[in-house]
């Protein structure tokens, strides 16, 4: 009986080359998907910013007394106190992962001599797109949206950084 040695299968070098190609492709895909997820988180921050502008404008129009810097213990509810410090239902609830950083100390509605009815805040997702240039401007380091509302002039704006 002749036993013929068959050559079925792949050599070590062939398998190594395939593994190298697959690792390069997976690294490219992972980078792409991380970028897509970051941009999705940025879009959530923009959506919350636009909704927050509407809520604050409505409170200014209705002359409701809201201290927007009063935040719920979980960090998501804004405006949980009136200007006298009395608890009220949250004026706005941020989406999961969204953070807000106030600029200035005049974020109380309605306008009076001290606050002048202004609302200035940066809103961002803590896992959003990294922006090293933003650290010098806001100290956040993420792509963020500046919300600026002025009750006295009736203007509102949101700027993406």
C-alpha atoms as a PDB file:
ATOM      1  CA  UNK A   1       0.000   0.000   0.000  1.00  0.00           C
ATOM      2  CA  UNK A   2       1.339   3.379  -0.986  1.00  0.00           C
ATOM      3  CA  UNK A   3       0.634   6.105   1.465  1.00  0.00           C
ATOM      4  CA  UNK A   4       0.624   9.396  -0.372  1.00  0.00           C
ATOM      5  CA  UNK A   5       1.145  12.432   1.786  1.00  0.00           C
ATOM      6  CA  UNK A   6      -1.459  15.003   0.805  1.00  0.00           C
ATOM      7  CA  UNK A   7      -0.923  18.731   1.098  1.00  0.00           C
ATOM      8  CA  UNK A   8      -4.223  20.017   2.379  1.00  0.00           C
ATOM      9  CA  UNK A   9      -4.399  23.265   4.346  1.00  0.00           C
ATOM     10  CA  UNK A  10      -2.477  26.511   4.490  1.00  0.00           C
ATOM     11  CA  UNK A  11       1.066  27.284   5.460  1.00  0.00           C
ATOM     12  CA  UNK A  12       1.953  29.406   8.451  1.00  0.00           C
ATOM     13  CA  UNK A  13       3.040  32.307   6.250  1.00  0.00           C
ATOM     14  CA  UNK A  14      -0.262  32.332   4.353  1.00  0.00           C
ATOM     15  CA  UNK A  15      -2.227  32.377   7.614  1.00  0.00           C
ATOM     16  CA  UNK A  16      -0.013  35.149   8.994  1.00  0.00           C
ATOM     17  CA  UNK A  17      -0.599  37.322   5.928  1.00  0.00           C
ATOM     18  CA  UNK A  18      -4.369  36.835   6.158  1.00  0.00           C
ATOM     19  CA  UNK A  19      -4.311  37.730   9.880  1.00  0.00           C
ATOM     20  CA  UNK A  20      -2.289  40.888   9.133  1.00  0.00           C
ATOM     21  CA  UNK A  21      -4.728  41.971   6.431  1.00  0.00           C
ATOM     22  CA  UNK A  22      -7.724  41.335   8.703  1.00  0.00           C
ATOM     23  CA  UNK A  23      -6.163  43.288  11.575  1.00  0.00           C
ATOM     24  CA  UNK A  24      -5.514  46.305   9.325  1.00  0.00           C
ATOM     25  CA  UNK A  25      -9.072  46.212   7.995  1.00  0.00           C
ATOM     26  CA  UNK A  26     -10.539  45.920  11.497  1.00  0.00           C
ATOM     27  CA  UNK A  27      -8.439  48.867  12.720  1.00  0.00           C
ATOM     28  CA  UNK A  28      -9.763  50.999   9.863  1.00  0.00           C
ATOM     29  CA  UNK A  29     -13.347  49.921  10.567  1.00  0.00           C
ATOM     30  CA  UNK A  30     -13.004  50.574  14.306  1.00  0.00           C
ATOM     31  CA  UNK A  31     -11.703  54.090  13.688  1.00  0.00           C
ATOM     32  CA  UNK A  32     -14.546  54.795  11.288  1.00  0.00           C
ATOM     33  CA  UNK A  33     -17.236  53.498  13.657  1.00  0.00           C
ATOM     34  CA  UNK A  34     -15.816  55.447  16.604  1.00  0.00           C
ATOM     35  CA  UNK A  35     -15.989  58.592  14.488  1.00  0.00           C
ATOM     36  CA  UNK A  36     -19.588  57.838  13.499  1.00  0.00           C
ATOM     37  CA  UNK A  37     -20.576  57.290  17.147  1.00  0.00           C
ATOM     38  CA  UNK A  38     -18.866  60.542  18.197  1.00  0.00           C
ATOM     39  CA  UNK A  39     -20.701  62.493  15.521  1.00  0.00           C
ATOM     40  CA  UNK A  40     -23.967  60.898  16.636  1.00  0.00           C
ATOM     41  CA  UNK A  41     -23.291  62.041  20.194  1.00  0.00           C
ATOM     42  CA  UNK A  42     -22.545  65.539  18.890  1.00  0.00           C
ATOM     43  CA  UNK A  43     -25.902  65.491  17.088  1.00  0.00           C
ATOM     44  CA  UNK A  44     -27.628  64.585  20.377  1.00  0.00           C
ATOM     45  CA  UNK A  45     -25.987  67.607  22.014  1.00  0.00           C
ATOM     46  CA  UNK A  46     -27.140  69.871  19.169  1.00  0.00           C
ATOM     47  CA  UNK A  47     -30.675  68.494  19.465  1.00  0.00           C
ATOM     48  CA  UNK A  48     -30.722  69.148  23.214  1.00  0.00           C
ATOM     49  CA  UNK A  49     -29.351  72.654  22.611  1.00  0.00           C
ATOM     50  CA  UNK A  50     -32.165  73.526  20.196  1.00  0.00           C
ATOM     51  CA  UNK A  51     -34.783  72.100  22.578  1.00  0.00           C
ATOM     52  CA  UNK A  52     -33.260  73.975  25.520  1.00  0.00           C
ATOM     53  CA  UNK A  53     -33.412  77.242  23.568  1.00  0.00           C
ATOM     54  CA  UNK A  54     -37.148  76.687  23.078  1.00  0.00           C
ATOM     55  CA  UNK A  55     -37.722  75.939  26.778  1.00  0.00           C
ATOM     56  CA  UNK A  56     -35.743  78.952  27.988  1.00  0.00           C
ATOM     57  CA  UNK A  57     -37.445  81.275  25.493  1.00  0.00           C
ATOM     58  CA  UNK A  58     -40.852  80.031  26.643  1.00  0.00           C
ATOM     59  CA  UNK A  59     -39.938  80.667  30.284  1.00  0.00           C
ATOM     60  CA  UNK A  60     -38.751  84.157  29.401  1.00  0.00           C
ATOM     61  CA  UNK A  61     -42.003  84.839  27.541  1.00  0.00           C
ATOM     62  CA  UNK A  62     -44.152  83.442  30.360  1.00  0.00           C
ATOM     63  CA  UNK A  63     -42.076  85.338  32.976  1.00  0.00           C
ATOM     64  CA  UNK A  64     -41.580  82.100  34.948  1.00  0.00           C
ATOM     65  CA  UNK A  65     -39.121  82.281  37.806  1.00  0.00           C
ATOM     66  CA  UNK A  66     -36.465  79.614  37.085  1.00  0.00           C
ATOM     67  CA  UNK A  67     -32.874  79.325  38.282  1.00  0.00           C
ATOM     68  CA  UNK A  68     -31.325  77.285  35.465  1.00  0.00           C
ATOM     69  CA  UNK A  69     -28.082  76.786  37.371  1.00  0.00           C
ATOM     70  CA  UNK A  70     -29.947  74.669  39.941  1.00  0.00           C
ATOM     71  CA  UNK A  71     -29.305  71.130  38.695  1.00  0.00           C
ATOM     72  CA  UNK A  72     -30.854  67.873  39.924  1.00  0.00           C
ATOM     73  CA  UNK A  73     -28.596  65.425  41.836  1.00  0.00           C
ATOM     74  CA  UNK A  74     -28.231  63.147  38.792  1.00  0.00           C
ATOM     75  CA  UNK A  75     -26.952  66.115  36.742  1.00  0.00           C
ATOM     76  CA  UNK A  76     -29.595  65.856  34.039  1.00  0.00           C
ATOM     77  CA  UNK A  77     -32.436  68.087  35.286  1.00  0.00           C
ATOM     78  CA  UNK A  78     -31.999  71.840  34.835  1.00  0.00           C
ATOM     79  CA  UNK A  79     -33.924  74.550  36.633  1.00  0.00           C
ATOM     80  CA  UNK A  80     -35.086  72.547  39.656  1.00  0.00           C
ATOM     81  CA  UNK A  81     -35.435  75.715  41.770  1.00  0.00           C
ATOM     82  CA  UNK A  82     -37.081  79.068  41.296  1.00  0.00           C
ATOM     83  CA  UNK A  83     -35.085  82.244  41.854  1.00  0.00           C
ATOM     84  CA  UNK A  84     -35.958  82.164  45.583  1.00  0.00           C
ATOM     85  CA  UNK A  85     -34.543  78.642  46.016  1.00  0.00           C
ATOM     86  CA  UNK A  86     -37.893  76.833  46.234  1.00  0.00           C
ATOM     87  CA  UNK A  87     -37.947  73.411  44.537  1.00  0.00           C
ATOM     88  CA  UNK A  88     -39.889  73.118  41.283  1.00  0.00           C
ATOM     89  CA  UNK A  89     -40.119  70.371  38.633  1.00  0.00           C
ATOM     90  CA  UNK A  90     -37.133  70.324  36.297  1.00  0.00           C
ATOM     91  CA  UNK A  91     -37.529  72.873  33.519  1.00  0.00           C
ATOM     92  CA  UNK A  92     -35.507  70.693  31.140  1.00  0.00           C
ATOM     93  CA  UNK A  93     -33.960  67.226  31.260  1.00  0.00           C
ATOM     94  CA  UNK A  94     -30.765  66.578  29.336  1.00  0.00           C
ATOM     95  CA  UNK A  95     -30.337  63.419  27.276  1.00  0.00           C
ATOM     96  CA  UNK A  96     -28.020  60.721  28.680  1.00  0.00           C
ATOM     97  CA  UNK A  97     -24.367  61.698  28.367  1.00  0.00           C
ATOM     98  CA  UNK A  98     -25.083  65.357  27.660  1.00  0.00           C
ATOM     99  CA  UNK A  99     -23.326  67.865  29.912  1.00  0.00           C
ATOM    100  CA  UNK A 100     -23.884  71.578  30.336  1.00  0.00           C
ATOM    101  CA  UNK A 101     -21.378  74.205  31.452  1.00  0.00           C
ATOM    102  CA  UNK A 102     -22.708  77.652  32.268  1.00  0.00           C
ATOM    103  CA  UNK A 103     -20.896  80.772  31.230  1.00  0.00           C
ATOM    104  CA  UNK A 104     -21.477  83.623  33.629  1.00  0.00           C
ATOM    105  CA  UNK A 105     -23.826  83.756  36.595  1.00  0.00           C
ATOM    106  CA  UNK A 106     -26.885  85.397  35.084  1.00  0.00           C
ATOM    107  CA  UNK A 107     -28.844  82.293  34.114  1.00  0.00           C
ATOM    108  CA  UNK A 108     -32.074  83.162  35.925  1.00  0.00           C
ATOM    109  CA  UNK A 109     -35.438  83.976  34.374  1.00  0.00           C
ATOM    110  CA  UNK A 110     -37.199  86.417  34.286  1.00  0.00           C
ATOM    111  CA  UNK A 111     -35.089  89.489  33.738  1.00  0.00           C
ATOM    112  CA  UNK A 112     -34.387  91.864  36.556  1.00  0.00           C
ATOM    113  CA  UNK A 113     -31.702  94.403  37.312  1.00  0.00           C
ATOM    114  CA  UNK A 114     -29.213  91.702  38.374  1.00  0.00           C
ATOM    115  CA  UNK A 115     -29.710  89.022  35.749  1.00  0.00           C
ATOM    116  CA  UNK A 116     -30.964  90.954  32.727  1.00  0.00           C
ATOM    117  CA  UNK A 117     -32.642  87.767  31.440  1.00  0.00           C
ATOM    118  CA  UNK A 118     -29.651  86.180  29.797  1.00  0.00           C
ATOM    119  CA  UNK A 119     -28.795  82.524  29.387  1.00  0.00           C
ATOM    120  CA  UNK A 120     -25.312  81.470  28.282  1.00  0.00           C
ATOM    121  CA  UNK A 121     -24.139  77.865  28.386  1.00  0.00           C
ATOM    122  CA  UNK A 122     -22.001  75.339  26.559  1.00  0.00           C
ATOM    123  CA  UNK A 123     -23.680  72.009  25.893  1.00  0.00           C
ATOM    124  CA  UNK A 124     -21.755  68.907  24.814  1.00  0.00           C
ATOM    125  CA  UNK A 125     -21.633  65.103  25.050  1.00  0.00           C
ATOM    126  CA  UNK A 126     -18.881  63.838  27.322  1.00  0.00           C
ATOM    127  CA  UNK A 127     -17.948  61.199  24.704  1.00  0.00           C
ATOM    128  CA  UNK A 128     -18.437  63.475  21.701  1.00  0.00           C
ATOM    129  CA  UNK A 129     -15.871  64.464  19.122  1.00  0.00           C
ATOM    130  CA  UNK A 130     -12.566  65.502  20.659  1.00  0.00           C
ATOM    131  CA  UNK A 131     -11.605  69.083  19.891  1.00  0.00           C
ATOM    132  CA  UNK A 132      -8.149  70.078  21.201  1.00  0.00           C
ATOM    133  CA  UNK A 133      -8.632  73.692  20.032  1.00  0.00           C
ATOM    134  CA  UNK A 134     -11.701  73.961  22.265  1.00  0.00           C
ATOM    135  CA  UNK A 135      -9.685  73.512  25.465  1.00  0.00           C
ATOM    136  CA  UNK A 136      -8.300  77.033  25.146  1.00  0.00           C
ATOM    137  CA  UNK A 137     -11.790  78.493  24.542  1.00  0.00           C
ATOM    138  CA  UNK A 138     -14.004  76.633  27.009  1.00  0.00           C
ATOM    139  CA  UNK A 139     -11.786  74.148  28.831  1.00  0.00           C
ATOM    140  CA  UNK A 140     -14.068  71.279  27.763  1.00  0.00           C
ATOM    141  CA  UNK A 141     -12.031  69.648  24.995  1.00  0.00           C
ATOM    142  CA  UNK A 142     -15.097  68.335  23.170  1.00  0.00           C
ATOM    143  CA  UNK A 143     -17.044  69.777  20.265  1.00  0.00           C
ATOM    144  CA  UNK A 144     -19.773  71.813  21.916  1.00  0.00           C
ATOM    145  CA  UNK A 145     -22.623  74.211  21.241  1.00  0.00           C
ATOM    146  CA  UNK A 146     -22.768  77.679  22.776  1.00  0.00           C
ATOM    147  CA  UNK A 147     -26.314  78.702  23.640  1.00  0.00           C
ATOM    148  CA  UNK A 148     -26.811  82.443  23.993  1.00  0.00           C
ATOM    149  CA  UNK A 149     -30.243  83.876  24.780  1.00  0.00           C
ATOM    150  CA  UNK A 150     -30.880  87.504  25.662  1.00  0.00           C
ATOM    151  CA  UNK A 151     -34.377  88.319  26.861  1.00  0.00           C
ATOM    152  CA  UNK A 152     -33.946  92.077  26.671  1.00  0.00           C
ATOM    153  CA  UNK A 153     -33.166  92.073  22.942  1.00  0.00           C
ATOM    154  CA  UNK A 154     -35.256  88.993  22.129  1.00  0.00           C
ATOM    155  CA  UNK A 155     -32.335  87.250  20.442  1.00  0.00           C
ATOM    156  CA  UNK A 156     -31.223  83.660  20.707  1.00  0.00           C
ATOM    157  CA  UNK A 157     -28.402  81.849  19.035  1.00  0.00           C
ATOM    158  CA  UNK A 158     -26.552  78.568  19.112  1.00  0.00           C
ATOM    159  CA  UNK A 159     -23.076  78.254  17.702  1.00  0.00           C
ATOM    160  CA  UNK A 160     -21.305  74.954  17.099  1.00  0.00           C
ATOM    161  CA  UNK A 161     -17.669  74.931  18.183  1.00  0.00           C
END
